[in-house]
Amino acid sequence: MSARVLLVVLVLMNLVSAIGVVHARHRHREQFFALTRLEKARDELNIEFSRLQLEQATFAESNRVDKIARERLGMKTPEPGDIAVVQP
C-alpha cells in the first residue's frame, strides 16, 4: 500500500515538474519577444537621434547662419571705422 502511495506521489510530482518546465519556457519566450521589440525600438530611436544631430549640425553651420542673417535680418559686416574697442 505504501509503495502505491509513493508511486502516485512521484507521478504527481513529475507532472507538476513538467507543467513548471512548460510554464517557465513559455515565460522565457514571451520575455525574449518583448526584449526583441524593445531592442528594435531602441535601434529606431538611435537612428532618429543621429538624424536629429545631423540636422542640428546643419542648421548651426556658420555659413548658413551668416546667409540667413544677411538675407532675412539685413545684417552686414561692420566697416573698420564703425568698430569701437572698449577698454576696461
Protein backbone atom coordinates (compact mmCIF):
# COMPACT_ATOMS: atom_id res chain seq x y z
CA MET A 1 0.00 0.00 0.00
CA SER A 2 2.72 2.46 0.85
CA ALA A 3 4.58 1.59 -2.38
CA ARG A 4 1.48 2.56 -4.36
CA VAL A 5 1.11 5.82 -2.45
CA LEU A 6 4.77 6.60 -3.05
CA LEU A 7 4.35 5.83 -6.76
CA VAL A 8 1.28 8.10 -7.02
CA VAL A 9 3.11 10.91 -5.21
CA LEU A 10 6.13 10.55 -7.50
CA VAL A 11 3.92 10.58 -10.63
CA LEU A 12 2.09 13.69 -9.39
CA MET A 13 5.38 15.42 -8.59
CA ASN A 14 6.64 14.51 -12.06
CA LEU A 15 3.53 16.06 -13.64
CA VAL A 16 3.86 19.22 -11.53
CA SER A 17 7.52 19.48 -12.51
CA ALA A 18 6.67 19.06 -16.22
CA ILE A 19 3.98 21.75 -16.01
CA GLY A 20 6.51 24.04 -14.28
CA VAL A 21 9.02 23.50 -17.09
CA VAL A 22 6.42 24.27 -19.75
CA HIS A 23 5.35 27.42 -17.90
CA ALA A 24 8.97 28.60 -17.47
CA ARG A 25 9.73 28.09 -21.18
CA HIS A 26 6.57 29.95 -22.15
CA ARG A 27 7.53 32.92 -19.95
CA HIS A 28 11.04 32.85 -21.40
CA ARG A 29 9.66 33.06 -24.94
CA GLU A 30 7.35 35.95 -24.03
CA GLN A 31 10.18 37.86 -22.39
CA PHE A 32 12.50 37.18 -25.30
CA PHE A 33 9.94 38.59 -27.75
CA ALA A 34 9.46 41.64 -25.51
CA LEU A 35 13.23 42.13 -25.40
CA THR A 36 13.43 41.89 -29.19
CA ARG A 37 10.69 44.54 -29.57
CA LEU A 38 12.45 46.85 -27.12
CA GLU A 39 15.80 46.43 -28.87
CA LYS A 40 14.16 47.27 -32.20
CA ALA A 41 12.57 50.38 -30.69
CA ARG A 42 15.94 51.36 -29.19
CA ASP A 43 17.65 50.98 -32.56
CA GLU A 44 14.98 53.10 -34.27
CA LEU A 45 15.36 55.80 -31.61
CA ASN A 46 19.15 55.76 -32.05
CA ILE A 47 18.72 56.23 -35.80
CA GLU A 48 16.29 59.11 -35.24
CA PHE A 49 18.68 60.69 -32.72
CA SER A 50 21.53 60.51 -35.26
CA ARG A 51 19.32 62.17 -37.87
CA LEU A 52 18.41 64.93 -35.45
CA GLN A 53 22.05 65.52 -34.54
CA LEU A 54 22.92 65.82 -38.23
CA GLU A 55 20.02 68.21 -38.77
CA GLN A 56 21.10 70.31 -35.79
CA ALA A 57 24.67 70.47 -37.09
CA THR A 58 23.36 71.57 -40.49
CA PHE A 59 21.20 74.33 -39.01
CA ALA A 60 24.03 75.57 -36.79
CA GLU A 61 26.54 75.80 -39.64
CA SER A 62 28.15 79.26 -39.61
CA ASN A 63 27.73 79.80 -43.37
CA ARG A 64 24.01 79.12 -43.12
CA VAL A 65 23.61 81.39 -40.09
CA ASP A 66 25.56 84.13 -41.87
CA LYS A 67 23.42 83.82 -45.01
CA ILE A 68 20.16 84.00 -43.04
CA ALA A 69 21.44 86.95 -41.01
CA ARG A 70 22.29 88.86 -44.19
CA GLU A 71 19.11 87.95 -46.14
CA ARG A 72 16.36 87.97 -43.52
CA LEU A 73 17.72 90.39 -40.95
CA GLY A 74 19.63 92.72 -43.25
CA MET A 75 22.80 92.35 -41.21
CA LYS A 76 26.22 93.10 -42.66
CA THR A 77 29.86 93.05 -41.63
CA PRO A 78 30.74 96.40 -39.99
CA GLU A 79 33.19 98.73 -41.69
CA PRO A 80 36.51 99.22 -39.90
CA GLY A 81 35.50 102.77 -38.94
CA ASP A 82 32.32 101.51 -37.31
CA ILE A 83 34.20 99.26 -34.89
CA ALA A 84 34.92 100.68 -31.42
CA VAL A 85 37.26 98.98 -28.97
CA VAL A 86 36.22 99.47 -25.35
CA GLN A 87 39.00 99.46 -22.76
CA PRO A 88 38.23 98.24 -19.22
